[in-house]
């Protein structure tokens, strides 16, 4: 092979290596893009939103490594660690589903107790201020619409945010159960999370999920919505079926853009 051809090939391979290294660095230490797969955080984040999460807010752990981090069986510490706070929205992975990303809001931190009584959140035996502020038409994952009540929650720290709750006449027995929970004791170095769509979120109130996660399982903090669509992502129990349907869903999303969602901060 001609020497000049060898030089061109070498330069091309070098540039490719640099690009791959930069992408890996960005994904581990700076940003994590992901698509919101359900309505559990509506209306803060809606099914079909494409979100950028920053990776450096709480330090770095094995979970900072995209895709494979949850499968690494060692290094359960964080470097440059910063403790999460009540009211923060986080993305994380749980031990029983190491490759899956969840997004919820922190309600309790280490040594807190959390309980929901008659729909009211209690932190350390103190009722959190919840004030109804209006209504919101929610589009469910199955395409049906439902008018929901909007409540503003104010945490003891003064941080406020809005949640959705079903109207009283629509609440079913399962949802009554998650409106009246036992007391959850949050271990030191752990967080307790719930979804903002209180009656349509599988979260830490359910014993078949998890009762808390350790700080090292936090992947990042959702920061900005960079894309939104009226189209819904496929809801499948099988990851293979989900992956096969994903290309069609992406195409549908492009033709159903929700311009009002783009650029929103979380």
Protein backbone atom coordinates (compact mmCIF):
# COMPACT_ATOMS: atom_id res chain seq x y z
CA UNK A 1 0.00 0.00 0.00
CA UNK A 2 1.20 3.49 -0.84
CA UNK A 3 2.71 5.39 2.16
CA UNK A 4 0.30 8.32 1.66
CA UNK A 5 -2.68 5.95 1.86
CA UNK A 6 -1.31 4.54 5.11
CA UNK A 7 -1.01 8.05 6.53
CA UNK A 8 -4.59 8.94 5.56
CA UNK A 9 -5.92 5.73 7.11
CA UNK A 10 -3.92 6.37 10.28
CA UNK A 11 -5.24 9.96 10.54
CA UNK A 12 -8.82 8.78 9.99
CA UNK A 13 -8.49 6.13 12.71
CA UNK A 14 -6.96 8.71 15.07
CA UNK A 15 -9.82 11.16 14.51
CA UNK A 16 -12.36 8.37 15.08
CA UNK A 17 -10.63 7.41 18.33
CA UNK A 18 -10.70 11.03 19.51
CA UNK A 19 -14.40 11.40 18.67
CA UNK A 20 -15.30 8.17 20.47
CA UNK A 21 -13.23 9.23 23.51
CA UNK A 22 -14.96 12.63 23.62
CA UNK A 23 -18.41 11.02 23.41
CA UNK A 24 -17.56 8.57 26.19
CA UNK A 25 -16.22 11.42 28.36
CA UNK A 26 -19.38 13.47 27.81
CA UNK A 27 -21.67 10.51 28.57
CA UNK A 28 -19.83 9.57 31.76
CA UNK A 29 -19.04 12.97 33.26
CA UNK A 30 -21.34 15.58 31.72
CA UNK A 31 -24.67 14.67 30.12
CA UNK A 32 -27.05 11.73 29.73
CA UNK A 33 -29.84 12.01 27.12
CA UNK A 34 -32.90 9.80 27.49
CA UNK A 35 -36.53 9.49 26.41
CA UNK A 36 -39.22 9.64 29.10
CA UNK A 37 -41.06 6.30 28.78
CA UNK A 38 -44.19 6.83 30.91
CA UNK A 39 -46.58 9.32 32.49
CA UNK A 40 -45.34 8.84 36.07
CA UNK A 41 -43.72 12.31 36.21
CA UNK A 42 -46.45 14.23 34.36
CA UNK A 43 -46.70 17.14 34.01
CA UNK A 44 -43.08 17.88 34.97
CA UNK A 45 -41.96 15.41 32.32
CA UNK A 46 -44.32 13.72 29.88
CA UNK A 47 -44.17 10.49 27.92
CA UNK A 48 -42.23 11.23 24.72
CA UNK A 49 -40.11 14.06 26.13
CA UNK A 50 -36.40 13.84 25.35
CA UNK A 51 -34.51 15.00 28.42
CA UNK A 52 -30.90 15.93 29.14
CA UNK A 53 -29.67 14.90 32.59
CA UNK A 54 -26.51 16.40 34.04
CA UNK A 55 -24.16 13.77 35.52
CA UNK A 56 -22.04 15.84 37.90
CA UNK A 57 -24.62 17.11 40.43
CA UNK A 58 -24.10 14.34 42.99
CA UNK A 59 -20.61 13.16 42.09
CA UNK A 60 -19.74 10.05 40.11
CA UNK A 61 -20.16 6.32 40.72
CA UNK A 62 -20.26 3.14 38.65
CA UNK A 63 -23.77 4.24 37.60
CA UNK A 64 -22.20 7.14 35.68
CA UNK A 65 -21.02 4.63 33.06
CA UNK A 66 -23.80 4.40 30.45
CA UNK A 67 -25.68 1.10 30.01
CA UNK A 68 -23.18 -1.19 31.75
CA UNK A 69 -22.78 0.73 35.03
CA UNK A 70 -25.61 -1.11 36.75
CA UNK A 71 -24.05 -4.47 35.94
CA UNK A 72 -20.70 -3.70 37.58
CA UNK A 73 -20.70 -5.68 40.88
CA UNK A 74 -18.14 -3.56 42.72
CA UNK A 75 -17.16 0.06 43.42
CA UNK A 76 -20.26 1.18 45.31
CA UNK A 77 -18.76 4.52 46.31
CA UNK A 78 -19.01 8.02 44.81
CA UNK A 79 -16.22 10.46 44.06
CA UNK A 80 -16.71 14.24 44.34
CA UNK A 81 -19.88 13.29 46.23
CA UNK A 82 -22.65 15.79 46.93
CA UNK A 83 -25.75 14.78 48.84
CA UNK A 84 -29.13 14.95 47.05
CA UNK A 85 -31.90 17.08 48.55
CA UNK A 86 -35.63 16.66 49.05
CA UNK A 87 -37.49 17.91 46.00
CA UNK A 88 -34.71 17.05 43.53
CA UNK A 89 -35.75 15.12 40.42
CA UNK A 90 -33.25 12.32 39.77
CA UNK A 91 -32.69 9.50 37.32
CA UNK A 92 -31.45 6.22 38.77
CA UNK A 93 -31.23 2.46 38.36
CA UNK A 94 -32.40 -0.27 40.75
CA UNK A 95 -30.52 -3.48 41.49
CA UNK A 96 -33.16 -5.85 40.07
CA UNK A 97 -33.26 -3.98 36.73
CA UNK A 98 -29.67 -2.72 36.32
CA UNK A 99 -30.01 -1.66 32.68
CA UNK A 100 -33.21 0.36 33.11
CA UNK A 101 -33.38 4.05 33.98
CA UNK A 102 -36.09 5.48 36.24
CA UNK A 103 -36.95 9.11 36.99
CA UNK A 104 -38.70 10.21 40.20
CA UNK A 105 -38.62 13.02 42.75
CA UNK A 106 -36.85 12.74 46.10
CA UNK A 107 -39.27 12.98 49.03
CA UNK A 108 -37.08 11.69 51.84
CA UNK A 109 -33.33 11.53 52.46
CA UNK A 110 -31.22 9.54 54.93
CA UNK A 111 -32.76 9.10 58.41
CA UNK A 112 -36.12 10.60 57.34
CA UNK A 113 -39.44 8.85 57.82
CA UNK A 114 -42.00 9.14 55.01
CA UNK A 115 -45.68 8.23 55.05
CA UNK A 116 -48.73 9.07 52.95
CA UNK A 117 -51.93 9.44 54.99
CA UNK A 118 -55.24 10.13 53.22
CA UNK A 119 -53.29 11.44 50.25
CA UNK A 120 -51.15 13.82 52.29
CA UNK A 121 -47.36 13.30 52.38
CA UNK A 122 -45.83 13.30 55.85
CA UNK A 123 -42.09 13.76 56.38
CA UNK A 124 -40.80 13.04 59.87
CA UNK A 125 -44.41 13.00 61.15
CA UNK A 126 -45.08 16.49 59.78
CA UNK A 127 -47.72 16.98 57.06
CA UNK A 128 -46.37 18.60 53.91
CA UNK A 129 -48.32 21.64 52.73
CA UNK A 130 -50.49 20.67 49.72
CA UNK A 131 -52.68 23.31 48.09
CA UNK A 132 -54.94 22.69 45.10
CA UNK A 133 -54.14 25.19 42.35
CA UNK A 134 -56.16 24.06 39.34
CA UNK A 135 -56.88 21.28 36.86
CA UNK A 136 -54.94 19.63 34.06
CA UNK A 137 -56.04 17.38 31.19
CA UNK A 138 -53.71 14.39 31.27
CA UNK A 139 -53.14 12.17 28.24
CA UNK A 140 -52.60 8.66 29.59
CA UNK A 141 -50.12 6.21 28.09
CA UNK A 142 -53.06 4.36 26.48
CA UNK A 143 -54.17 7.57 24.71
CA UNK A 144 -57.20 8.25 26.90
CA UNK A 145 -57.60 11.69 28.47
CA UNK A 146 -58.57 12.48 32.05
CA UNK A 147 -59.04 15.73 33.93
CA UNK A 148 -56.72 15.75 36.97
CA UNK A 149 -56.39 17.99 40.00
CA UNK A 150 -53.17 20.01 40.31
CA UNK A 151 -51.65 20.49 43.76
CA UNK A 152 -48.70 22.62 44.78
CA UNK A 153 -46.49 20.94 47.35
CA UNK A 154 -44.22 22.96 49.62
CA UNK A 155 -41.51 20.97 51.39
CA UNK A 156 -40.09 21.90 54.82
CA UNK A 157 -37.09 23.47 53.04
CA UNK A 158 -39.45 25.85 51.22
CA UNK A 159 -39.00 24.18 47.82
CA UNK A 160 -42.28 24.04 45.86
CA UNK A 161 -43.41 21.99 42.89
CA UNK A 162 -46.67 20.74 41.36
CA UNK A 163 -48.11 17.24 41.33
CA UNK A 164 -51.15 15.61 39.71
CA UNK A 165 -53.82 13.62 41.54
CA UNK A 166 -56.94 11.88 40.29
CA UNK A 167 -60.23 13.46 41.20
CA UNK A 168 -61.75 11.78 44.26
CA UNK A 169 -64.58 10.12 42.31
CA UNK A 170 -62.07 8.39 40.01
CA UNK A 171 -59.72 6.96 42.65
CA UNK A 172 -59.77 3.14 42.74
CA UNK A 173 -58.95 0.75 45.58
CA UNK A 174 -55.32 0.33 44.51
CA UNK A 175 -54.84 4.09 44.53
CA UNK A 176 -56.50 4.39 47.93
CA UNK A 177 -53.80 1.99 49.17
CA UNK A 178 -50.94 4.20 47.95
CA UNK A 179 -52.71 7.19 49.53
CA UNK A 180 -52.42 5.40 52.88
CA UNK A 181 -49.02 3.80 53.30
CA UNK A 182 -47.05 2.43 56.21
CA UNK A 183 -44.16 4.47 57.59
CA UNK A 184 -41.03 4.16 55.45
CA UNK A 185 -37.74 4.64 57.30
CA UNK A 186 -35.06 5.90 54.92
CA UNK A 187 -31.61 4.45 55.75
CA UNK A 188 -28.62 6.76 55.99
CA UNK A 189 -27.11 7.30 52.55
CA UNK A 190 -30.40 6.46 50.80
CA UNK A 191 -33.32 8.37 49.27
CA UNK A 192 -37.06 7.72 49.05
CA UNK A 193 -38.74 8.83 45.79
CA UNK A 194 -42.21 9.28 44.33
CA UNK A 195 -43.57 10.29 40.95
CA UNK A 196 -45.28 13.67 40.43
CA UNK A 197 -48.29 11.91 38.89
CA UNK A 198 -49.19 10.42 42.27
CA UNK A 199 -51.89 7.95 41.23
CA UNK A 200 -50.11 6.78 38.08
CA UNK A 201 -46.57 6.22 39.31
CA UNK A 202 -45.04 2.93 40.37
CA UNK A 203 -42.55 4.16 42.91
CA UNK A 204 -41.15 3.53 46.37
CA UNK A 205 -44.64 3.26 47.91
CA UNK A 206 -44.92 -0.22 46.33
CA UNK A 207 -43.25 -3.12 48.11
CA UNK A 208 -42.69 -4.99 44.83
CA UNK A 209 -40.51 -2.08 43.62
CA UNK A 210 -37.94 -0.77 46.15
CA UNK A 211 -38.34 1.05 49.48
CA UNK A 212 -35.22 3.20 48.94
CA UNK A 213 -32.05 3.45 46.85
CA UNK A 214 -28.51 4.26 47.89
CA UNK A 215 -26.87 7.48 46.69
CA UNK A 216 -24.46 5.54 44.47
CA UNK A 217 -27.36 4.35 42.28
CA UNK A 218 -28.21 7.93 41.25
CA UNK A 219 -27.22 8.52 37.61
CA UNK A 220 -27.93 12.21 37.23
CA UNK A 221 -30.36 15.10 37.51
CA UNK A 222 -32.81 15.83 34.64
CA UNK A 223 -32.28 19.45 33.67
CA UNK A 224 -33.77 20.37 30.28
CA UNK A 225 -36.38 19.04 27.87
CA UNK A 226 -34.91 19.25 24.36
CA UNK A 227 -37.78 17.58 22.47
CA UNK A 228 -41.42 16.68 23.05
CA UNK A 229 -44.00 14.78 21.05
CA UNK A 230 -47.70 13.89 21.19
CA UNK A 231 -46.76 10.37 20.12
CA UNK A 232 -46.30 7.85 22.92
CA UNK A 233 -43.43 5.44 23.31
CA UNK A 234 -44.36 1.75 23.15
CA UNK A 235 -45.20 0.17 26.50
CA UNK A 236 -44.01 -3.45 26.42
CA UNK A 237 -43.03 -5.95 29.10
CA UNK A 238 -40.38 -7.36 26.78
CA UNK A 239 -37.33 -5.21 26.00
CA UNK A 240 -37.03 -6.96 22.62
CA UNK A 241 -40.57 -5.99 21.61
CA UNK A 242 -39.96 -2.47 22.91
CA UNK A 243 -36.78 -2.14 20.83
CA UNK A 244 -38.50 -3.47 17.69
CA UNK A 245 -41.30 -0.92 18.00
CA UNK A 246 -38.99 1.96 18.87
CA UNK A 247 -38.05 3.03 15.28
CA UNK A 248 -41.71 3.42 14.32
CA UNK A 249 -42.36 5.37 17.52
CA UNK A 250 -39.47 7.71 16.77
CA UNK A 251 -40.85 8.39 13.29
CA UNK A 252 -44.29 9.11 14.76
CA UNK A 253 -42.70 11.45 17.30
CA UNK A 254 -41.03 13.53 14.59
CA UNK A 255 -44.41 14.15 12.93
CA UNK A 256 -46.13 14.98 16.24
CA UNK A 257 -43.78 17.53 17.80
CA UNK A 258 -45.01 19.45 20.87
CA UNK A 259 -43.16 22.71 20.39
CA UNK A 260 -44.23 24.03 23.80
CA UNK A 261 -42.19 21.30 25.53
CA UNK A 262 -38.88 22.18 23.87
CA UNK A 263 -36.46 24.17 26.03
CA UNK A 264 -38.31 23.73 29.33
CA UNK A 265 -36.19 23.46 32.44
CA UNK A 266 -37.02 20.86 35.08
